[in-house]
PDB file of N, CA and C in Angstrom:
ATOM      1  N   MET A   1      22.838-129.789 -14.399  1.00  0.00           N
ATOM      2  CA  MET A   1      22.465-128.428 -14.898  1.00  0.00           C
ATOM      3  C   MET A   1      23.271-128.075 -15.978  1.00  0.00           C
ATOM      4  N   HIS A   2      22.647-127.260 -16.854  1.00  0.00           N
ATOM      5  CA  HIS A   2      22.681-126.377 -17.989  1.00  0.00           C
ATOM      6  C   HIS A   2      23.602-125.192 -17.998  1.00  0.00           C
ATOM      7  N   THR A   3      25.009-125.222 -18.581  1.00  0.00           N
ATOM      8  CA  THR A   3      25.041-123.744 -18.370  1.00  0.00           C
ATOM      9  C   THR A   3      25.224-123.056 -19.585  1.00  0.00           C
ATOM     10  N   SER A   4      24.934-121.771 -19.857  1.00  0.00           N
ATOM     11  CA  SER A   4      24.437-121.218 -20.723  1.00  0.00           C
ATOM     12  C   SER A   4      25.571-120.664 -22.207  1.00  0.00           C
ATOM     13  N   PRO A   5      25.214-120.814 -22.614  1.00  0.00           N
ATOM     14  CA  PRO A   5      26.748-120.844 -24.141  1.00  0.00           C
ATOM     15  C   PRO A   5      27.350-119.427 -23.982  1.00  0.00           C
ATOM     16  N   THR A   6      28.475-119.435 -24.250  1.00  0.00           N
ATOM     17  CA  THR A   6      29.176-118.702 -24.726  1.00  0.00           C
ATOM     18  C   THR A   6      29.649-117.604 -25.847  1.00  0.00           C
ATOM     19  N   PHE A   7      29.098-116.517 -26.356  1.00  0.00           N
ATOM     20  CA  PHE A   7      30.019-116.509 -27.695  1.00  0.00           C
ATOM     21  C   PHE A   7      30.518-115.242 -27.706  1.00  0.00           C
ATOM     22  N   ARG A   8      31.184-115.164 -28.856  1.00  0.00           N
ATOM     23  CA  ARG A   8      32.401-114.023 -28.827  1.00  0.00           C
ATOM     24  C   ARG A   8      32.251-113.260 -30.222  1.00  0.00           C
ATOM     25  N   ARG A   9      32.217-112.477 -30.507  1.00  0.00           N
ATOM     26  CA  ARG A   9      31.617-111.673 -31.844  1.00  0.00           C
ATOM     27  C   ARG A   9      32.731-111.081 -31.977  1.00  0.00           C
ATOM     28  N   GLU A  10      32.954-111.437 -34.116  1.00  0.00           N
ATOM     29  CA  GLU A  10      34.097-111.249 -34.390  1.00  0.00           C
ATOM     30  C   GLU A  10      33.690-110.683 -35.621  1.00  0.00           C
ATOM     31  N   THR A  11      33.872-109.748 -36.290  1.00  0.00           N
ATOM     32  CA  THR A  11      33.879-108.713 -37.285  1.00  0.00           C
ATOM     33  C   THR A  11      34.457-109.622 -38.322  1.00  0.00           C
ATOM     34  N   ILE A  12      33.907-110.363 -39.907  1.00  0.00           N
ATOM     35  CA  ILE A  12      34.728-110.673 -40.829  1.00  0.00           C
ATOM     36  C   ILE A  12      34.557-109.206 -41.601  1.00  0.00           C
ATOM     37  N   ASP A  13      33.891-108.418 -41.886  1.00  0.00           N
ATOM     38  CA  ASP A  13      34.178-107.580 -42.849  1.00  0.00           C
ATOM     39  C   ASP A  13      33.164-106.155 -42.306  1.00  0.00           C
ATOM     40  N   SER A  14      34.155-105.118 -42.603  1.00  0.00           N
ATOM     41  CA  SER A  14      33.740-103.618 -42.076  1.00  0.00           C
ATOM     42  C   SER A  14      33.272-102.972 -43.045  1.00  0.00           C
ATOM     43  N   ASP A  15      32.516-103.200 -44.485  1.00  0.00           N
ATOM     44  CA  ASP A  15      32.927-102.580 -45.356  1.00  0.00           C
ATOM     45  C   ASP A  15      32.137-103.448 -46.264  1.00  0.00           C
ATOM     46  N   PRO A  16      30.992-104.168 -46.110  1.00  0.00           N
ATOM     47  CA  PRO A  16      31.058-105.592 -47.308  1.00  0.00           C
ATOM     48  C   PRO A  16      30.344-104.498 -48.200  1.00  0.00           C
ATOM     49  N   PRO A  17      30.435-105.266 -49.783  1.00  0.00           N
ATOM     50  CA  PRO A  17      29.913-105.121 -50.623  1.00  0.00           C
ATOM     51  C   PRO A  17      28.137-104.939 -50.722  1.00  0.00           C
ATOM     52  N   GLY A  18      27.450-104.094 -51.505  1.00  0.00           N
ATOM     53  CA  GLY A  18      26.162-103.858 -52.031  1.00  0.00           C
ATOM     54  C   GLY A  18      25.485-103.182 -50.779  1.00  0.00           C
ATOM     55  N   SER A  19      24.372-103.207 -50.809  1.00  0.00           N
ATOM     56  CA  SER A  19      23.542-102.348 -49.715  1.00  0.00           C
ATOM     57  C   SER A  19      22.308-103.072 -49.423  1.00  0.00           C
ATOM     58  N   LEU A  20      21.647-102.694 -48.332  1.00  0.00           N
ATOM     59  CA  LEU A  20      20.415-102.991 -47.709  1.00  0.00           C
ATOM     60  C   LEU A  20      20.377-104.537 -47.496  1.00  0.00           C
ATOM     61  N   LEU A  21      21.628-105.098 -46.710  1.00  0.00           N
ATOM     62  CA  LEU A  21      22.024-106.676 -46.944  1.00  0.00           C
ATOM     63  C   LEU A  21      20.950-107.356 -46.228  1.00  0.00           C
ATOM     64  N   ASP A  22      19.438-107.698 -46.317  1.00  0.00           N
ATOM     65  CA  ASP A  22      19.015-108.641 -45.668  1.00  0.00           C
ATOM     66  C   ASP A  22      18.576-109.598 -46.176  1.00  0.00           C
ATOM     67  N   VAL A  23      19.807-110.881 -46.938  1.00  0.00           N
ATOM     68  CA  VAL A  23      19.621-112.562 -47.051  1.00  0.00           C
ATOM     69  C   VAL A  23      20.982-112.794 -46.269  1.00  0.00           C
ATOM     70  N   THR A  24      21.037-113.734 -45.351  1.00  0.00           N
ATOM     71  CA  THR A  24      21.645-114.622 -44.935  1.00  0.00           C
ATOM     72  C   THR A  24      22.064-115.890 -45.078  1.00  0.00           C
ATOM     73  N   LEU A  25      22.940-116.708 -45.281  1.00  0.00           N
ATOM     74  CA  LEU A  25      22.744-118.667 -45.777  1.00  0.00           C
ATOM     75  C   LEU A  25      24.014-118.773 -45.294  1.00  0.00           C
ATOM     76  N   ILE A  26      24.060-120.013 -44.914  1.00  0.00           N
ATOM     77  CA  ILE A  26      24.934-120.588 -44.556  1.00  0.00           C
ATOM     78  C   ILE A  26      24.854-122.153 -45.214  1.00  0.00           C
ATOM     79  N   ALA A  27      26.110-121.972 -46.410  1.00  0.00           N
ATOM     80  CA  ALA A  27      26.208-123.387 -46.933  1.00  0.00           C
ATOM     81  C   ALA A  27      27.892-123.655 -47.159  1.00  0.00           C
ATOM     82  N   ASP A  28      28.436-124.924 -47.332  1.00  0.00           N
ATOM     83  CA  ASP A  28      29.577-124.948 -47.829  1.00  0.00           C
ATOM     84  C   ASP A  28      29.743-124.973 -49.270  1.00  0.00           C
ATOM     85  N   VAL A  29      29.610-123.630 -49.588  1.00  0.00           N
ATOM     86  CA  VAL A  29      29.970-123.393 -50.701  1.00  0.00           C
ATOM     87  C   VAL A  29      30.957-124.252 -51.612  1.00  0.00           C
ATOM     88  N   THR A  30      31.818-124.451 -51.361  1.00  0.00           N
ATOM     89  CA  THR A  30      33.470-125.186 -52.009  1.00  0.00           C
ATOM     90  C   THR A  30      33.660-126.356 -52.084  1.00  0.00           C
ATOM     91  N   GLY A  31      32.417-126.845 -51.096  1.00  0.00           N
ATOM     92  CA  GLY A  31      32.407-128.501 -50.533  1.00  0.00           C
ATOM     93  C   GLY A  31      33.672-128.974 -50.237  1.00  0.00           C
ATOM     94  N   ASN A  32      33.992-128.160 -49.355  1.00  0.00           N
ATOM     95  CA  ASN A  32      35.564-128.847 -48.330  1.00  0.00           C
ATOM     96  C   ASN A  32      34.928-129.330 -46.974  1.00  0.00           C
ATOM     97  N   GLY A  33      34.014-128.972 -46.715  1.00  0.00           N
ATOM     98  CA  GLY A  33      33.253-129.147 -44.944  1.00  0.00           C
ATOM     99  C   GLY A  33      33.199-128.470 -44.106  1.00  0.00           C
ATOM    100  N   ARG A  34      33.595-127.094 -44.583  1.00  0.00           N
ATOM    101  CA  ARG A  34      33.529-126.020 -43.449  1.00  0.00           C
ATOM    102  C   ARG A  34      31.995-124.977 -44.124  1.00  0.00           C
ATOM    103  N   PRO A  35      31.133-124.786 -43.310  1.00  0.00           N
ATOM    104  CA  PRO A  35      29.910-123.540 -43.689  1.00  0.00           C
ATOM    105  C   PRO A  35      30.782-122.748 -43.955  1.00  0.00           C
ATOM    106  N   ASP A  36      30.512-121.668 -45.178  1.00  0.00           N
ATOM    107  CA  ASP A  36      30.659-120.225 -45.167  1.00  0.00           C
ATOM    108  C   ASP A  36      29.665-119.778 -45.479  1.00  0.00           C
ATOM    109  N   ILE A  37      29.372-118.023 -45.508  1.00  0.00           N
ATOM    110  CA  ILE A  37      28.384-117.422 -45.460  1.00  0.00           C
ATOM    111  C   ILE A  37      28.231-116.665 -46.673  1.00  0.00           C
ATOM    112  N   VAL A  38      26.600-116.323 -47.094  1.00  0.00           N
ATOM    113  CA  VAL A  38      26.149-116.371 -47.980  1.00  0.00           C
ATOM    114  C   VAL A  38      25.644-115.246 -47.637  1.00  0.00           C
ATOM    115  N   ILE A  39      25.667-113.846 -48.133  1.00  0.00           N
ATOM    116  CA  ILE A  39      24.825-112.416 -48.248  1.00  0.00           C
ATOM    117  C   ILE A  39      24.536-112.280 -48.999  1.00  0.00           C
ATOM    118  N   GLY A  40      23.232-111.461 -49.446  1.00  0.00           N
ATOM    119  CA  GLY A  40      22.837-111.205 -50.348  1.00  0.00           C
ATOM    120  C   GLY A  40      21.972-109.294 -50.017  1.00  0.00           C
ATOM    121  N   GLY A  41      21.627-108.505 -51.116  1.00  0.00           N
ATOM    122  CA  GLY A  41      20.852-107.269 -50.797  1.00  0.00           C
ATOM    123  C   GLY A  41      20.129-106.773 -51.885  1.00  0.00           C
ATOM    124  N   LYS A  42      19.379-106.030 -51.528  1.00  0.00           N
ATOM    125  CA  LYS A  42      19.129-105.041 -52.532  1.00  0.00           C
ATOM    126  C   LYS A  42      19.670-104.452 -53.458  1.00  0.00           C
ATOM    127  N   ALA A  43      20.904-103.752 -53.135  1.00  0.00           N
ATOM    128  CA  ALA A  43      21.949-102.770 -54.030  1.00  0.00           C
ATOM    129  C   ALA A  43      23.030-103.192 -53.760  1.00  0.00           C
ATOM    130  N   GLY A  44      23.671-102.631 -55.580  1.00  0.00           N
ATOM    131  CA  GLY A  44      25.215-103.025 -55.171  1.00  0.00           C
ATOM    132  C   GLY A  44      25.503-102.957 -56.475  1.00  0.00           C
ATOM    133  N   ALA A  45      26.635-103.405 -57.026  1.00  0.00           N
ATOM    134  CA  ALA A  45      27.687-104.048 -58.177  1.00  0.00           C
ATOM    135  C   ALA A  45      27.369-105.527 -57.885  1.00  0.00           C
ATOM    136  N   ALA A  46      28.231-105.752 -56.755  1.00  0.00           N
ATOM    137  CA  ALA A  46      28.207-107.524 -56.630  1.00  0.00           C
ATOM    138  C   ALA A  46      26.732-107.275 -55.249  1.00  0.00           C
ATOM    139  N   ASN A  47      25.340-107.449 -55.141  1.00  0.00           N
ATOM    140  CA  ASN A  47      25.272-107.632 -53.858  1.00  0.00           C
ATOM    141  C   ASN A  47      24.528-108.928 -53.825  1.00  0.00           C
ATOM    142  N   LEU A  48      25.554-110.091 -54.044  1.00  0.00           N
ATOM    143  CA  LEU A  48      24.776-111.555 -53.665  1.00  0.00           C
ATOM    144  C   LEU A  48      26.385-112.235 -53.621  1.00  0.00           C
ATOM    145  N   PHE A  49      26.786-112.302 -52.759  1.00  0.00           N
ATOM    146  CA  PHE A  49      28.554-112.661 -52.469  1.00  0.00           C
ATOM    147  C   PHE A  49      28.304-113.632 -50.870  1.00  0.00           C
ATOM    148  N   TRP A  50      30.095-114.303 -51.030  1.00  0.00           N
ATOM    149  CA  TRP A  50      30.000-115.372 -49.983  1.00  0.00           C
ATOM    150  C   TRP A  50      31.613-115.053 -49.015  1.00  0.00           C
ATOM    151  N   TYR A  51      31.129-115.374 -47.755  1.00  0.00           N
ATOM    152  CA  TYR A  51      32.448-115.623 -47.208  1.00  0.00           C
ATOM    153  C   TYR A  51      32.813-116.874 -47.197  1.00  0.00           C
ATOM    154  N   GLU A  52      34.281-117.138 -47.356  1.00  0.00           N
ATOM    155  CA  GLU A  52      35.132-118.531 -47.192  1.00  0.00           C
ATOM    156  C   GLU A  52      35.908-118.759 -45.689  1.00  0.00           C
ATOM    157  N   ASN A  53      35.194-119.860 -45.381  1.00  0.00           N
ATOM    158  CA  ASN A  53      35.825-120.440 -44.119  1.00  0.00           C
ATOM    159  C   ASN A  53      37.036-120.709 -44.178  1.00  0.00           C
ATOM    160  N   PRO A  54      38.098-120.496 -43.286  1.00  0.00           N
ATOM    161  CA  PRO A  54      38.110-119.770 -42.257  1.00  0.00           C
ATOM    162  C   PRO A  54      38.584-118.378 -42.427  1.00  0.00           C
ATOM    163  N   THR A  55      39.062-117.858 -43.471  1.00  0.00           N
ATOM    164  CA  THR A  55      39.331-116.971 -43.599  1.00  0.00           C
ATOM    165  C   THR A  55      38.680-115.553 -43.856  1.00  0.00           C
ATOM    166  N   TRP A  56      37.818-115.900 -44.427  1.00  0.00           N
ATOM    167  CA  TRP A  56      36.480-114.755 -44.788  1.00  0.00           C
ATOM    168  C   TRP A  56      37.022-114.057 -45.699  1.00  0.00           C
ATOM    169  N   GLU A  57      37.696-114.757 -46.820  1.00  0.00           N
ATOM    170  CA  GLU A  57      37.802-113.591 -47.722  1.00  0.00           C
ATOM    171  C   GLU A  57      36.035-113.733 -48.699  1.00  0.00           C
ATOM    172  N   CYS A  58      36.373-112.780 -48.971  1.00  0.00           N
ATOM    173  CA  CYS A  58      34.876-112.032 -49.610  1.00  0.00           C
ATOM    174  C   CYS A  58      34.891-112.825 -51.079  1.00  0.00           C
ATOM    175  N   HIS A  59      34.237-113.170 -51.851  1.00  0.00           N
ATOM    176  CA  HIS A  59      34.193-113.642 -53.228  1.00  0.00           C
ATOM    177  C   HIS A  59      32.589-113.100 -53.853  1.00  0.00           C
ATOM    178  N   ALA A  60      32.398-112.257 -54.773  1.00  0.00           N
ATOM    179  CA  ALA A  60      31.537-112.053 -55.550  1.00  0.00           C
ATOM    180  C   ALA A  60      30.614-113.447 -56.064  1.00  0.00           C
ATOM    181  N   ILE A  61      29.619-113.596 -56.082  1.00  0.00           N
ATOM    182  CA  ILE A  61      28.653-114.078 -56.669  1.00  0.00           C
ATOM    183  C   ILE A  61      28.023-113.291 -57.698  1.00  0.00           C
ATOM    184  N   ALA A  62      27.277-112.601 -57.674  1.00  0.00           N
ATOM    185  CA  ALA A  62      26.168-112.159 -58.807  1.00  0.00           C
ATOM    186  C   ALA A  62      25.949-110.837 -58.675  1.00  0.00           C
ATOM    187  N   SER A  63      25.335-109.596 -59.325  1.00  0.00           N
ATOM    188  CA  SER A  63      25.001-108.715 -59.168  1.00  0.00           C
ATOM    189  C   SER A  63      23.064-109.082 -59.181  1.00  0.00           C
ATOM    190  N   ALA A  64      22.456-109.207 -58.525  1.00  0.00           N
ATOM    191  CA  ALA A  64      21.310-109.580 -58.248  1.00  0.00           C
ATOM    192  C   ALA A  64      20.179-108.625 -57.986  1.00  0.00           C
ATOM    193  N   PRO A  65      19.249-108.013 -59.033  1.00  0.00           N
ATOM    194  CA  PRO A  65      18.574-106.412 -58.824  1.00  0.00           C
ATOM    195  C   PRO A  65      17.769-107.075 -57.325  1.00  0.00           C
ATOM    196  N   GLU A  66      17.481-106.706 -56.623  1.00  0.00           N
ATOM    197  CA  GLU A  66      16.744-105.902 -55.490  1.00  0.00           C
ATOM    198  C   GLU A  66      16.791-107.203 -54.466  1.00  0.00           C
ATOM    199  N   LEU A  67      17.455-108.579 -54.255  1.00  0.00           N
ATOM    200  CA  LEU A  67      17.132-109.369 -53.580  1.00  0.00           C
ATOM    201  C   LEU A  67      16.128-109.005 -52.619  1.00  0.00           C
ATOM    202  N   GLU A  68      15.192-110.010 -52.050  1.00  0.00           N
ATOM    203  CA  GLU A  68      14.228-109.833 -51.247  1.00  0.00           C
ATOM    204  C   GLU A  68      14.972-110.676 -49.895  1.00  0.00           C
ATOM    205  N   ALA A  69      15.063-110.263 -48.393  1.00  0.00           N
ATOM    206  CA  ALA A  69      14.851-111.570 -47.952  1.00  0.00           C
ATOM    207  C   ALA A  69      14.932-112.800 -47.938  1.00  0.00           C
ATOM    208  N   GLY A  70      15.265-113.783 -47.458  1.00  0.00           N
ATOM    209  CA  GLY A  70      15.269-114.640 -47.406  1.00  0.00           C
ATOM    210  C   GLY A  70      15.780-115.617 -48.093  1.00  0.00           C
ATOM    211  N   GLY A  71      15.380-116.250 -49.277  1.00  0.00           N
ATOM    212  CA  GLY A  71      16.515-117.328 -50.103  1.00  0.00           C
ATOM    213  C   GLY A  71      16.365-119.090 -49.660  1.00  0.00           C
ATOM    214  N   VAL A  72      17.356-119.533 -50.057  1.00  0.00           N
ATOM    215  CA  VAL A  72      17.752-120.633 -49.764  1.00  0.00           C
ATOM    216  C   VAL A  72      19.273-121.236 -50.195  1.00  0.00           C
ATOM    217  N   SER A  73      19.682-122.296 -49.743  1.00  0.00           N
ATOM    218  CA  SER A  73      20.610-122.725 -50.104  1.00  0.00           C
ATOM    219  C   SER A  73      20.203-124.116 -49.931  1.00  0.00           C
ATOM    220  N   LEU A  74      20.818-125.050 -51.461  1.00  0.00           N
ATOM    221  CA  LEU A  74      20.700-126.744 -50.959  1.00  0.00           C
ATOM    222  C   LEU A  74      21.039-127.142 -52.716  1.00  0.00           C
ATOM    223  N   ASP A  75      21.865-128.333 -52.641  1.00  0.00           N
ATOM    224  CA  ASP A  75      22.131-128.802 -53.994  1.00  0.00           C
ATOM    225  C   ASP A  75      21.227-129.120 -54.975  1.00  0.00           C
ATOM    226  N   ILE A  76      21.079-128.295 -55.904  1.00  0.00           N
ATOM    227  CA  ILE A  76      19.626-128.723 -57.004  1.00  0.00           C
ATOM    228  C   ILE A  76      19.668-129.234 -58.347  1.00  0.00           C
ATOM    229  N   THR A  77      21.282-129.119 -58.274  1.00  0.00           N
ATOM    230  CA  THR A  77      21.791-129.957 -59.305  1.00  0.00           C
ATOM    231  C   THR A  77      22.225-131.414 -59.457  1.00  0.00           C
ATOM    232  N   GLY A  78      22.435-131.812 -57.836  1.00  0.00           N
ATOM    233  CA  GLY A  78      23.126-133.096 -57.519  1.00  0.00           C
ATOM    234  C   GLY A  78      24.640-133.366 -57.619  1.00  0.00           C
ATOM    235  N   ASN A  79      25.370-132.423 -57.671  1.00  0.00           N
ATOM    236  CA  ASN A  79      26.631-132.607 -58.239  1.00  0.00           C
ATOM    237  C   ASN A  79      27.275-132.250 -56.628  1.00  0.00           C
ATOM    238  N   GLY A  80      26.654-131.868 -55.599  1.00  0.00           N
ATOM    239  CA  GLY A  80      27.508-132.182 -53.935  1.00  0.00           C
ATOM    240  C   GLY A  80      27.552-130.831 -53.999  1.00  0.00           C
ATOM    241  N   LEU A  81      27.096-129.076 -53.801  1.00  0.00           N
ATOM    242  CA  LEU A  81      27.870-128.345 -54.415  1.00  0.00           C
ATOM    243  C   LEU A  81      25.801-127.734 -53.493  1.00  0.00           C
ATOM    244  N   PRO A  82      26.241-126.259 -53.200  1.00  0.00           N
ATOM    245  CA  PRO A  82      24.684-125.914 -52.656  1.00  0.00           C
ATOM    246  C   PRO A  82      24.533-124.334 -53.601  1.00  0.00           C
ATOM    247  N   ASP A  83      23.661-124.471 -54.469  1.00  0.00           N
ATOM    248  CA  ASP A  83      23.011-123.901 -55.328  1.00  0.00           C
ATOM    249  C   ASP A  83      22.195-122.547 -54.804  1.00  0.00           C
ATOM    250  N   ILE A  84      22.063-121.404 -55.139  1.00  0.00           N
ATOM    251  CA  ILE A  84      21.343-120.472 -54.452  1.00  0.00           C
ATOM    252  C   ILE A  84      19.785-120.028 -54.677  1.00  0.00           C
ATOM    253  N   VAL A  85      19.343-120.338 -54.414  1.00  0.00           N
ATOM    254  CA  VAL A  85      17.486-119.681 -54.792  1.00  0.00           C
ATOM    255  C   VAL A  85      16.970-118.542 -53.956  1.00  0.00           C
ATOM    256  N   GLY A  86      17.063-117.540 -54.802  1.00  0.00           N
ATOM    257  CA  GLY A  86      16.288-116.171 -54.764  1.00  0.00           C
ATOM    258  C   GLY A  86      15.391-115.369 -55.464  1.00  0.00           C
ATOM    259  N   LYS A  87      14.628-114.521 -54.906  1.00  0.00           N
ATOM    260  CA  LYS A  87      13.494-113.567 -55.513  1.00  0.00           C
ATOM    261  C   LYS A  87      13.705-112.034 -55.298  1.00  0.00           C
ATOM    262  N   PRO A  88      13.949-111.415 -56.238  1.00  0.00           N
ATOM    263  CA  PRO A  88      13.417-110.286 -56.344  1.00  0.00           C
ATOM    264  C   PRO A  88      12.467-109.527 -55.176  1.00  0.00           C
ATOM    265  N   TYR A  89      12.902-108.711 -54.862  1.00  0.00           N
ATOM    266  CA  TYR A  89      11.901-107.375 -54.359  1.00  0.00           C
ATOM    267  C   TYR A  89      10.527-107.598 -54.930  1.00  0.00           C
ATOM    268  N   ALA A  90       9.173-107.187 -54.737  1.00  0.00           N
ATOM    269  CA  ALA A  90       8.336-107.031 -55.349  1.00  0.00           C
ATOM    270  C   ALA A  90       8.062-106.178 -55.770  1.00  0.00           C
ATOM    271  N   PRO A  91       7.785-105.688 -57.403  1.00  0.00           N
ATOM    272  CA  PRO A  91       6.678-106.129 -58.113  1.00  0.00           C
ATOM    273  C   PRO A  91       7.161-107.430 -58.583  1.00  0.00           C
ATOM    274  N   GLU A  92       8.480-107.353 -59.036  1.00  0.00           N
ATOM    275  CA  GLU A  92       8.891-108.345 -59.773  1.00  0.00           C
ATOM    276  C   GLU A  92       8.481-109.537 -59.281  1.00  0.00           C
ATOM    277  N   ARG A  93       8.368-110.555 -60.457  1.00  0.00           N
ATOM    278  CA  ARG A  93       7.351-111.547 -60.041  1.00  0.00           C
ATOM    279  C   ARG A  93       8.144-113.432 -60.713  1.00  0.00           C
ATOM    280  N   HIS A  94       9.621-113.165 -60.599  1.00  0.00           N
ATOM    281  CA  HIS A  94      10.454-114.344 -61.111  1.00  0.00           C
ATOM    282  C   HIS A  94      11.258-114.570 -59.749  1.00  0.00           C
ATOM    283  N   VAL A  95      11.222-115.886 -59.942  1.00  0.00           N
ATOM    284  CA  VAL A  95      12.662-116.767 -58.729  1.00  0.00           C
ATOM    285  C   VAL A  95      13.749-116.917 -59.923  1.00  0.00           C
ATOM    286  N   ASP A  96      15.165-116.512 -59.269  1.00  0.00           N
ATOM    287  CA  ASP A  96      16.293-116.676 -59.489  1.00  0.00           C
ATOM    288  C   ASP A  96      17.173-117.980 -58.877  1.00  0.00           C
ATOM    289  N   ILE A  97      18.141-118.810 -59.677  1.00  0.00           N
ATOM    290  CA  ILE A  97      18.558-120.034 -59.473  1.00  0.00           C
ATOM    291  C   ILE A  97      19.763-119.440 -59.873  1.00  0.00           C
ATOM    292  N   TRP A  98      21.024-119.066 -58.913  1.00  0.00           N
ATOM    293  CA  TRP A  98      22.385-118.994 -59.474  1.00  0.00           C
ATOM    294  C   TRP A  98      23.066-120.691 -58.973  1.00  0.00           C
ATOM    295  N   PHE A  99      23.539-121.256 -59.774  1.00  0.00           N
ATOM    296  CA  PHE A  99      23.685-123.114 -60.342  1.00  0.00           C
ATOM    297  C   PHE A  99      25.126-122.663 -59.294  1.00  0.00           C
ATOM    298  N   ASN A 100      25.600-123.331 -59.045  1.00  0.00           N
ATOM    299  CA  ASN A 100      27.281-123.485 -58.268  1.00  0.00           C
ATOM    300  C   ASN A 100      28.091-124.253 -59.288  1.00  0.00           C
ATOM    301  N   GLU A 101      28.396-123.718 -60.178  1.00  0.00           N
ATOM    302  CA  GLU A 101      29.344-124.662 -61.002  1.00  0.00           C
ATOM    303  C   GLU A 101      30.970-124.998 -60.972  1.00  0.00           C
ATOM    304  N   SER A 102      30.749-124.566 -59.521  1.00  0.00           N
ATOM    305  CA  SER A 102      32.753-125.033 -58.971  1.00  0.00           C
ATOM    306  C   SER A 102      32.910-126.540 -59.382  1.00  0.00           C
ATOM    307  N   ASN A 103      33.836-126.418 -59.184  1.00  0.00           N
ATOM    308  CA  ASN A 103      34.329-127.645 -59.169  1.00  0.00           C
ATOM    309  C   ASN A 103      34.700-128.876 -57.624  1.00  0.00           C
ATOM    310  N   GLY A 104      34.360-128.018 -56.345  1.00  0.00           N
ATOM    311  CA  GLY A 104      34.549-128.158 -55.543  1.00  0.00           C
ATOM    312  C   GLY A 104      35.889-128.149 -54.774  1.00  0.00           C
TER     313      GLY A 104
END
């Protein structure tokens, strides 16, 4: 017999930076083995940011003009840390990469 999973909701930020937030990625930003949360949106001074697990402290990554929903986080550089790939809302035609240059 299978039991249904039980979930507990926890608000980690009641007033996040940016607005029109439509990018959500899970990545171990620091390389400490814990999954962190990366959020991005279409507007705001720091509309690409991440929350550090387990304290959920918010860290700015960049001001990324009009991020479109989607994106991906993976280690492009081979340094063991996730980089972030995203694209602005149309009609912009470029794709951006934010390289994670942390020391882990």
